[in-house]
N, C-alpha and C. Protein backbone atom coordinates (compact mmCIF):
# COMPACT_ATOMS: atom_id res chain seq x y z
N MET A 1 1.82 16.01 7.00
CA MET A 1 0.71 15.19 7.14
C MET A 1 -0.28 15.76 7.17
N THR A 2 -0.60 16.99 7.83
CA THR A 2 -1.88 17.34 8.08
C THR A 2 -2.42 18.10 6.52
N GLU A 3 -1.29 18.47 5.68
CA GLU A 3 -1.75 19.00 4.65
C GLU A 3 -2.13 17.83 3.74
N ARG A 4 -2.08 16.88 3.97
CA ARG A 4 -2.64 15.50 2.87
C ARG A 4 -3.34 14.71 3.68
N ARG A 5 -4.00 15.36 4.91
CA ARG A 5 -4.92 14.86 5.74
C ARG A 5 -4.69 13.12 6.06
N TRP A 6 -3.46 12.76 6.34
CA TRP A 6 -3.09 11.63 6.52
C TRP A 6 -2.62 11.41 8.25
N PHE A 7 -3.23 12.66 8.77
CA PHE A 7 -3.23 12.32 10.10
C PHE A 7 -4.45 12.74 10.72
N THR A 8 -4.52 11.90 11.65
CA THR A 8 -6.19 12.25 12.53
C THR A 8 -5.97 12.21 13.90
N PRO A 9 -7.03 12.62 14.73
CA PRO A 9 -6.87 12.41 16.09
C PRO A 9 -6.14 11.13 16.65
N LEU A 10 -6.50 10.31 15.65
CA LEU A 10 -5.79 8.82 15.87
C LEU A 10 -4.35 9.03 15.35
N GLY A 11 -3.97 9.86 14.96
CA GLY A 11 -2.65 9.80 14.59
C GLY A 11 -2.43 9.27 12.62
N VAL A 12 -1.62 8.69 11.86
CA VAL A 12 -1.68 7.94 10.67
C VAL A 12 -2.59 6.49 10.77
N ARG A 13 -2.39 5.91 11.80
CA ARG A 13 -3.20 4.73 11.94
C ARG A 13 -4.62 4.67 12.34
N GLY A 14 -5.12 5.99 12.52
CA GLY A 14 -6.53 6.20 12.35
C GLY A 14 -6.82 6.50 10.86
N ALA A 15 -5.97 7.08 10.10
CA ALA A 15 -6.41 7.32 8.87
C ALA A 15 -6.70 5.88 8.01
N PHE A 16 -5.61 4.83 7.97
CA PHE A 16 -5.78 3.60 7.87
C PHE A 16 -6.46 2.96 8.43
N ARG A 17 -7.59 3.31 9.62
CA ARG A 17 -8.56 2.43 10.21
C ARG A 17 -9.92 2.51 9.32
N ARG A 18 -9.90 3.68 8.24
CA ARG A 18 -11.00 3.75 7.79
C ARG A 18 -10.91 3.07 6.20
N LEU A 19 -9.44 2.29 6.07
CA LEU A 19 -9.00 1.57 4.66
C LEU A 19 -9.30 0.50 4.88
N LEU A 20 -8.19 0.04 6.14
CA LEU A 20 -7.97 -1.66 5.99
C LEU A 20 -8.41 -1.89 7.26
N PRO A 21 -9.36 -4.00 6.94
CA PRO A 21 -9.51 -4.40 8.01
C PRO A 21 -8.82 -4.56 8.88
N GLY A 22 -9.36 -5.29 10.11
CA GLY A 22 -8.59 -5.63 11.21
C GLY A 22 -8.40 -4.76 12.05
N GLU A 23 -7.69 -5.41 13.27
CA GLU A 23 -7.46 -4.58 14.34
C GLU A 23 -6.39 -3.49 13.80
N TRP A 24 -6.77 -2.21 14.02
CA TRP A 24 -6.22 -1.09 13.57
C TRP A 24 -4.89 -0.74 13.93
N LEU A 25 -4.88 -0.93 15.43
CA LEU A 25 -3.32 -0.99 15.92
C LEU A 25 -2.21 -2.02 15.25
N ARG A 26 -2.89 -3.03 14.30
CA ARG A 26 -1.68 -3.96 13.73
C ARG A 26 -1.15 -3.65 12.38
N HIS A 27 -1.67 -2.18 11.89
CA HIS A 27 -1.34 -1.74 10.90
C HIS A 27 -0.26 -0.78 10.95
N HIS A 28 1.06 -1.81 11.40
CA HIS A 28 2.03 -1.31 10.96
C HIS A 28 2.86 -0.90 9.70
N ASP A 29 3.14 -1.64 8.86
CA ASP A 29 3.28 -1.96 7.78
C ASP A 29 2.80 -0.73 6.72
N ALA A 30 1.17 -0.69 6.76
CA ALA A 30 0.80 0.94 5.91
C ALA A 30 1.19 1.93 6.60
N VAL A 31 1.14 2.19 8.21
CA VAL A 31 1.83 3.28 8.76
C VAL A 31 2.95 3.48 8.10
N ALA A 32 3.82 2.46 8.52
CA ALA A 32 5.27 2.89 7.87
C ALA A 32 5.31 3.19 6.49
N SER A 33 4.45 3.14 5.82
CA SER A 33 4.48 3.55 3.89
C SER A 33 4.45 4.87 4.17
N VAL A 34 3.62 5.62 4.90
CA VAL A 34 3.20 7.07 5.06
C VAL A 34 4.83 7.72 5.27
N TYR A 35 5.48 7.22 6.32
CA TYR A 35 6.82 7.80 6.58
C TYR A 35 7.68 7.61 5.81
N ALA A 36 7.52 6.30 5.27
CA ALA A 36 8.79 6.08 3.67
C ALA A 36 8.68 7.39 3.01
N GLY A 37 7.15 7.29 2.34
CA GLY A 37 7.08 8.28 1.53
C GLY A 37 8.06 9.80 1.78
N PHE A 38 7.75 10.19 3.28
CA PHE A 38 8.35 11.19 3.93
C PHE A 38 10.12 11.24 3.53
N ALA A 39 10.37 10.10 3.84
CA ALA A 39 11.79 9.92 3.77
C ALA A 39 12.20 9.92 1.78
N HIS A 40 10.98 9.10 1.20
CA HIS A 40 11.46 9.00 -0.54
C HIS A 40 11.56 10.13 -0.55
N ARG A 41 11.02 11.54 -0.15
CA ARG A 41 10.72 12.72 -1.16
C ARG A 41 12.06 13.46 -0.69
N ILE A 42 13.00 12.93 0.62
CA ILE A 42 13.75 14.08 0.99
C ILE A 42 15.32 13.16 0.70
N GLY A 43 15.29 12.05 -0.12
CA GLY A 43 16.29 11.47 -0.67
C GLY A 43 16.76 10.32 0.49
N TRP A 44 15.87 9.87 1.31
CA TRP A 44 16.83 9.09 2.66
C TRP A 44 16.11 7.32 2.44
N LEU A 45 15.33 7.54 1.43
CA LEU A 45 14.79 6.13 1.50
C LEU A 45 15.92 5.16 1.23
N HIS A 46 16.16 3.98 1.77
CA HIS A 46 17.00 3.05 0.86
C HIS A 46 16.19 2.07 0.47
N THR A 47 16.41 1.98 -1.01
CA THR A 47 15.65 0.71 -1.79
C THR A 47 16.58 -0.47 -2.54
N GLU A 48 16.15 -1.73 -2.89
CA GLU A 48 16.18 -2.68 -3.44
C GLU A 48 16.40 -2.36 -4.93
N ARG A 49 15.57 -2.07 -4.87
CA ARG A 49 15.21 -1.24 -6.66
C ARG A 49 14.60 0.22 -6.74
N VAL A 50 15.18 0.46 -7.99
CA VAL A 50 14.48 1.65 -8.09
C VAL A 50 14.02 1.71 -9.84
N LEU A 51 12.75 2.11 -9.71
CA LEU A 51 11.78 1.78 -11.28
C LEU A 51 12.35 3.02 -12.12
N THR A 52 12.57 3.12 -13.10
CA THR A 52 12.83 3.97 -14.23
C THR A 52 11.66 5.11 -14.29
N PRO A 53 11.79 6.30 -14.70
CA PRO A 53 10.88 6.97 -14.52
C PRO A 53 9.75 6.23 -15.65
N ASP A 54 10.20 5.87 -16.64
CA ASP A 54 9.20 5.03 -17.94
C ASP A 54 8.16 4.26 -17.15
N LYS A 55 9.06 3.37 -16.02
CA LYS A 55 8.21 2.04 -15.49
C LYS A 55 7.35 2.38 -14.59
N HIS A 56 7.61 3.58 -13.89
CA HIS A 56 7.01 3.98 -12.72
C HIS A 56 5.83 4.74 -13.45
N ALA A 57 5.94 5.30 -14.51
CA ALA A 57 4.37 6.02 -14.82
C ALA A 57 3.80 5.12 -15.61
N GLU A 58 4.59 3.89 -16.28
CA GLU A 58 3.62 2.89 -17.05
C GLU A 58 2.65 2.20 -15.40
N MET A 59 3.18 2.10 -14.39
CA MET A 59 2.90 1.54 -13.19
C MET A 59 1.77 2.58 -12.64
N CYS A 60 2.00 3.67 -12.44
CA CYS A 60 0.86 4.54 -12.55
C CYS A 60 -0.35 4.52 -13.45
N ALA A 61 -0.18 4.76 -14.33
CA ALA A 61 -1.21 4.12 -15.39
C ALA A 61 -1.90 3.27 -15.45
N ALA A 62 -1.18 2.05 -15.26
CA ALA A 62 -1.93 1.09 -15.02
C ALA A 62 -2.75 -0.01 -13.58
N LEU A 63 -2.22 0.79 -12.46
CA LEU A 63 -2.69 0.81 -11.26
C LEU A 63 -4.17 0.65 -11.09
N PRO A 64 -5.12 1.96 -11.12
CA PRO A 64 -6.11 2.06 -10.99
C PRO A 64 -7.16 0.94 -11.89
N GLU A 65 -6.89 0.82 -13.44
CA GLU A 65 -7.48 -0.32 -13.83
C GLU A 65 -7.32 -1.76 -13.38
N TRP A 66 -5.89 -2.40 -13.00
CA TRP A 66 -5.39 -3.12 -12.95
C TRP A 66 -6.17 -3.94 -11.53
N VAL A 67 -6.41 -3.32 -10.84
CA VAL A 67 -7.03 -3.28 -9.34
C VAL A 67 -8.50 -3.75 -9.61
N ALA A 68 -8.74 -3.29 -10.71
CA ALA A 68 -10.25 -3.66 -10.86
C ALA A 68 -10.61 -5.25 -10.49
N ASP A 69 -9.88 -5.99 -10.61
CA ASP A 69 -9.68 -7.46 -9.91
C ASP A 69 -9.28 -7.92 -8.79
N ASP A 70 -9.61 -9.05 -8.32
CA ASP A 70 -9.12 -9.33 -7.20
C ASP A 70 -7.50 -9.87 -7.77
N ARG A 71 -6.52 -9.37 -6.59
CA ARG A 71 -5.26 -9.89 -6.75
C ARG A 71 -4.25 -10.56 -5.49
N THR A 72 -3.27 -11.71 -5.59
CA THR A 72 -2.82 -12.23 -4.91
C THR A 72 -1.41 -11.29 -4.82
N VAL A 73 -0.54 -11.33 -3.63
CA VAL A 73 0.70 -10.99 -3.66
C VAL A 73 1.58 -11.90 -4.88
N GLY A 74 1.43 -12.86 -5.17
CA GLY A 74 1.86 -13.40 -6.61
C GLY A 74 1.62 -12.51 -7.85
N ASP A 75 0.07 -11.97 -7.67
CA ASP A 75 -0.02 -11.62 -9.16
C ASP A 75 0.56 -10.10 -9.03
N VAL A 76 0.89 -9.59 -8.14
CA VAL A 76 1.31 -8.24 -7.93
C VAL A 76 2.90 -8.45 -8.17
N LEU A 77 3.74 -9.56 -7.58
CA LEU A 77 5.34 -9.56 -8.00
C LEU A 77 5.37 -10.34 -9.59
N THR A 78 4.54 -10.64 -10.26
CA THR A 78 4.49 -11.42 -11.34
C THR A 78 4.67 -9.80 -12.54
N ARG A 79 3.42 -9.13 -12.22
CA ARG A 79 2.94 -8.08 -12.99
C ARG A 79 4.14 -6.98 -12.91
N PHE A 80 4.74 -6.54 -11.71
CA PHE A 80 5.52 -5.43 -11.16
C PHE A 80 6.71 -5.65 -10.84
N GLY A 81 7.33 -6.84 -10.60
CA GLY A 81 8.49 -7.24 -10.05
C GLY A 81 8.67 -7.08 -8.71
N SER A 82 9.38 -7.29 -8.40
CA SER A 82 10.15 -7.40 -6.84
C SER A 82 9.99 -5.90 -6.44
N PRO A 83 9.31 -5.46 -4.98
CA PRO A 83 9.46 -4.25 -4.79
C PRO A 83 10.47 -3.32 -4.26
N SER A 84 10.61 -2.01 -4.35
CA SER A 84 11.83 -1.07 -4.18
C SER A 84 12.15 -1.47 -2.56
N VAL A 85 10.87 -1.91 -1.31
CA VAL A 85 10.70 -1.87 -0.13
C VAL A 85 9.69 -2.56 0.00
N LEU A 86 10.35 -3.72 1.09
CA LEU A 86 9.20 -4.81 1.46
C LEU A 86 9.04 -4.01 3.08
N LEU A 87 7.66 -3.77 3.31
CA LEU A 87 7.30 -3.15 4.77
C LEU A 87 6.48 -4.11 5.36
N GLY A 88 7.14 -4.72 6.50
CA GLY A 88 6.05 -6.20 7.28
C GLY A 88 7.19 -7.24 6.93
N GLY A 89 6.87 -8.14 7.60
CA GLY A 89 7.66 -9.71 7.75
C GLY A 89 7.07 -10.45 6.50
N THR A 90 7.96 -11.27 6.26
CA THR A 90 7.43 -12.68 5.25
C THR A 90 6.09 -13.37 5.38
N ASN A 91 5.90 -13.29 6.75
CA ASN A 91 4.71 -14.46 7.32
C ASN A 91 3.54 -14.30 6.63
N PRO A 92 2.97 -14.83 5.43
CA PRO A 92 1.90 -15.20 4.58
C PRO A 92 0.43 -14.55 5.63
N ARG A 93 0.50 -14.75 7.09
CA ARG A 93 -0.46 -14.50 7.92
C ARG A 93 -0.78 -13.21 8.70
N TYR A 94 0.58 -12.27 7.78
CA TYR A 94 0.47 -11.19 8.51
C TYR A 94 0.70 -10.27 7.10
N PRO A 95 -0.26 -8.80 7.57
CA PRO A 95 -0.28 -7.99 6.17
C PRO A 95 1.21 -7.58 6.09
N ARG A 96 1.44 -7.03 4.83
CA ARG A 96 2.41 -6.18 4.43
C ARG A 96 2.10 -5.23 3.46
N THR A 97 3.31 -4.33 3.28
CA THR A 97 3.00 -3.37 1.64
C THR A 97 4.24 -3.37 1.20
N LEU A 98 3.82 -3.66 -0.15
CA LEU A 98 5.28 -3.16 -1.15
C LEU A 98 5.28 -1.77 -1.64
N LEU A 99 6.51 -1.21 -1.11
CA LEU A 99 6.72 -0.04 -1.99
C LEU A 99 7.56 0.06 -3.45
N TYR A 100 6.84 0.67 -4.23
CA TYR A 100 7.62 0.78 -5.71
C TYR A 100 8.08 2.21 -5.92
N ALA A 101 9.29 2.50 -5.87
CA ALA A 101 9.85 3.65 -5.71
C ALA A 101 10.91 3.82 -7.29
N ALA A 102 10.61 5.26 -7.92
CA ALA A 102 11.27 5.66 -8.74
C ALA A 102 11.85 6.73 -7.88
N ASP A 103 13.15 7.62 -8.36
CA ASP A 103 13.73 8.83 -8.25
C ASP A 103 12.82 9.92 -7.59
N PRO A 104 13.06 10.17 -6.69
CA PRO A 104 12.22 11.30 -6.29
C PRO A 104 12.27 12.50 -7.62
N PRO A 105 11.20 13.32 -8.18
CA PRO A 105 9.92 13.80 -6.63
C PRO A 105 8.69 12.76 -7.51
N ARG A 106 9.39 11.79 -7.50
CA ARG A 106 8.36 10.79 -8.52
C ARG A 106 7.55 10.17 -7.27
N PRO A 107 6.46 10.16 -6.73
CA PRO A 107 5.88 9.75 -5.29
C PRO A 107 5.83 7.94 -5.59
N LEU A 108 5.99 7.33 -4.16
CA LEU A 108 5.80 6.17 -3.93
C LEU A 108 4.61 5.54 -4.53
N LEU A 109 4.89 4.31 -4.96
CA LEU A 109 3.16 3.71 -5.07
C LEU A 109 3.41 2.37 -3.99
N CYS A 110 2.20 2.61 -2.99
CA CYS A 110 1.92 1.30 -2.23
C CYS A 110 0.95 0.48 -2.21
N LEU A 111 1.28 -0.34 -2.46
CA LEU A 111 0.53 -1.97 -2.63
C LEU A 111 0.41 -2.43 -0.93
N HIS A 112 -1.11 -2.46 -0.91
CA HIS A 112 -1.34 -2.65 0.79
C HIS A 112 -2.30 -4.24 0.72
N LEU A 113 -1.34 -5.22 1.48
CA LEU A 113 -1.69 -6.50 1.06
C LEU A 113 -1.42 -7.16 2.13
N TRP A 114 -2.82 -8.10 2.45
CA TRP A 114 -3.50 -8.76 3.75
C TRP A 114 -4.21 -9.97 3.82
N ASN A 115 -3.91 -10.53 4.96
CA ASN A 115 -4.34 -11.80 5.03
C ASN A 115 -4.66 -11.62 6.89
N ASP A 116 -6.06 -12.43 7.06
CA ASP A 116 -6.61 -12.46 8.19
C ASP A 116 -5.81 -13.88 8.93
N TYR A 117 -5.46 -12.99 10.19
CA TYR A 117 -4.26 -14.15 11.16
C TYR A 117 -5.35 -15.34 11.64
N ASP A 118 -6.45 -14.91 12.04
CA ASP A 118 -7.55 -15.79 12.35
C ASP A 118 -8.15 -16.89 11.65
N GLN A 119 -8.27 -16.41 10.28
CA GLN A 119 -9.48 -16.89 9.28
C GLN A 119 -8.30 -16.48 8.12
N PRO A 120 -7.25 -17.28 7.88
CA PRO A 120 -6.32 -16.71 6.69
C PRO A 120 -7.13 -17.21 5.23
N VAL A 121 -6.95 -16.28 4.24
CA VAL A 121 -7.08 -16.25 2.79
C VAL A 121 -6.31 -17.98 2.25
N ASP A 122 -6.71 -18.51 1.77
CA ASP A 122 -6.41 -19.84 1.46
C ASP A 122 -5.08 -19.72 0.14
N ASP A 123 -5.30 -18.60 -0.54
CA ASP A 123 -4.15 -17.99 -1.54
C ASP A 123 -3.07 -17.31 -1.10
N GLY A 124 -2.94 -17.04 0.19
CA GLY A 124 -2.23 -16.28 0.89
C GLY A 124 -2.17 -14.73 0.81
N LEU A 125 -1.84 -13.72 0.71
CA LEU A 125 -1.87 -12.40 0.71
C LEU A 125 -2.67 -12.09 -0.53
N VAL A 126 -3.92 -11.11 -0.36
CA VAL A 126 -4.32 -10.86 -1.14
C VAL A 126 -4.24 -9.08 -1.22
N LEU A 127 -4.42 -8.39 -2.14
CA LEU A 127 -4.00 -7.17 -2.58
C LEU A 127 -5.64 -6.27 -1.97
N LEU A 128 -5.54 -5.38 -0.95
CA LEU A 128 -6.40 -4.72 -0.68
C LEU A 128 -6.86 -3.41 -1.36
N LEU A 129 -5.55 -2.62 -1.32
CA LEU A 129 -5.34 -1.33 -1.99
C LEU A 129 -3.97 -0.88 -2.01
N ALA A 130 -4.20 -0.18 -3.64
CA ALA A 130 -2.86 0.81 -4.14
C ALA A 130 -3.13 2.06 -3.78
N ARG A 131 -2.11 2.76 -3.90
CA ARG A 131 -2.37 3.97 -3.49
C ARG A 131 -0.79 4.74 -3.97
N GLU A 132 -1.16 6.27 -4.72
CA GLU A 132 -0.11 7.26 -4.83
C GLU A 132 0.27 7.80 -3.54
N ASP A 133 1.51 7.85 -2.91
CA ASP A 133 1.71 8.47 -1.96
C ASP A 133 1.44 9.67 -1.78
N ALA A 134 1.97 10.40 -2.86
CA ALA A 134 2.16 12.06 -2.90
C ALA A 134 0.72 12.86 -2.79
N SER A 135 -0.67 12.07 -2.99
CA SER A 135 -1.79 12.51 -3.01
C SER A 135 -2.18 12.58 -1.67
N PRO A 136 -3.39 13.95 -1.39
CA PRO A 136 -4.17 13.23 -0.10
C PRO A 136 -4.83 12.69 -0.36
N PHE A 137 -5.12 11.96 1.47
CA PHE A 137 -5.79 10.77 2.04
C PHE A 137 -7.60 11.00 1.01
N GLY A 138 -7.14 9.52 0.39
CA GLY A 138 -8.03 9.04 -0.16
C GLY A 138 -8.40 9.51 -1.70
N GLU A 139 -7.37 10.41 -2.48
CA GLU A 139 -7.61 10.82 -3.97
C GLU A 139 -7.06 10.09 -4.49
N SER A 140 -6.19 9.37 -4.28
CA SER A 140 -5.68 8.10 -5.03
C SER A 140 -5.32 6.98 -4.42
N CYS A 141 -6.17 6.47 -4.13
CA CYS A 141 -6.65 4.95 -3.43
C CYS A 141 -7.48 3.91 -4.28
N TRP A 142 -6.98 2.89 -4.65
CA TRP A 142 -7.58 2.37 -5.41
C TRP A 142 -7.89 0.78 -4.73
N PHE A 143 -9.18 0.51 -4.64
CA PHE A 143 -9.34 -0.74 -4.19
C PHE A 143 -9.25 -1.71 -4.91
N THR A 144 -9.12 -2.87 -4.40
CA THR A 144 -9.55 -3.97 -5.08
C THR A 144 -10.90 -4.80 -4.51
N PRO A 145 -11.81 -5.43 -5.46
CA PRO A 145 -13.13 -5.87 -5.09
C PRO A 145 -13.04 -6.01 -3.55
N GLU A 146 -11.82 -7.20 -3.48
CA GLU A 146 -11.77 -7.62 -2.21
C GLU A 146 -11.51 -6.31 -1.07
N GLY A 147 -10.84 -5.31 -1.44
CA GLY A 147 -10.69 -4.62 -0.55
C GLY A 147 -11.88 -3.57 -0.02
N ARG A 148 -12.52 -3.53 -1.27
CA ARG A 148 -14.14 -2.98 -0.89
C ARG A 148 -14.78 -3.77 0.01
N ARG A 149 -15.21 -4.87 -0.42
CA ARG A 149 -15.33 -5.77 0.69
C ARG A 149 -14.93 -6.04 2.18
N ARG A 150 -14.21 -5.69 2.31
CA ARG A 150 -13.23 -5.72 3.44
C ARG A 150 -13.14 -4.42 4.40
N ARG A 151 -13.27 -3.20 3.41
CA ARG A 151 -13.34 -2.12 4.00
C ARG A 151 -13.98 -2.08 5.07
N PRO A 152 -13.55 -1.34 6.36
CA PRO A 152 -14.55 -1.33 7.53
C PRO A 152 -15.18 -0.10 7.33
N THR A 153 -16.55 -0.26 8.11
CA THR A 153 -17.48 0.39 8.13
C THR A 153 -17.90 1.28 8.89
N ASP A 154 -17.86 2.87 8.91
CA ASP A 154 -18.21 3.49 10.07
C ASP A 154 -19.40 2.84 10.71
N ASP A 155 -19.09 3.14 12.23
CA ASP A 155 -20.23 2.66 12.81
C ASP A 155 -21.10 4.50 13.42
């Protein structure tokens, strides 16, 4: 984790504290995605669906441009299909992360979705951040406009 800069003095949660809105202690799904990446690399991650190498490459190529617009969970599922792994629950008032996996060594693609429990977005979960798991922190994170608007500011 340290070589990829995902571990801070506040742990992996501390890394996500700089990326995702809301109470940083609630980012269980995002934190789990980092550990899922470890499990994936050593072949221990159990998935519901595995992308073909071509589909994975297509998704990797599409994500940076695709997230230039705001997206909802419905947009994600329509464009990329059901995830390989769902992290988080199905309640639309809480964050979740969708993982898309091909066989190792191809990295997980993680799509972080969010909704504010106290002031929920009418359309349900919105995509804030897409990232490739194998890269160091911040090097392959693509924010949607909503993700940039809601990104925490350093005090």
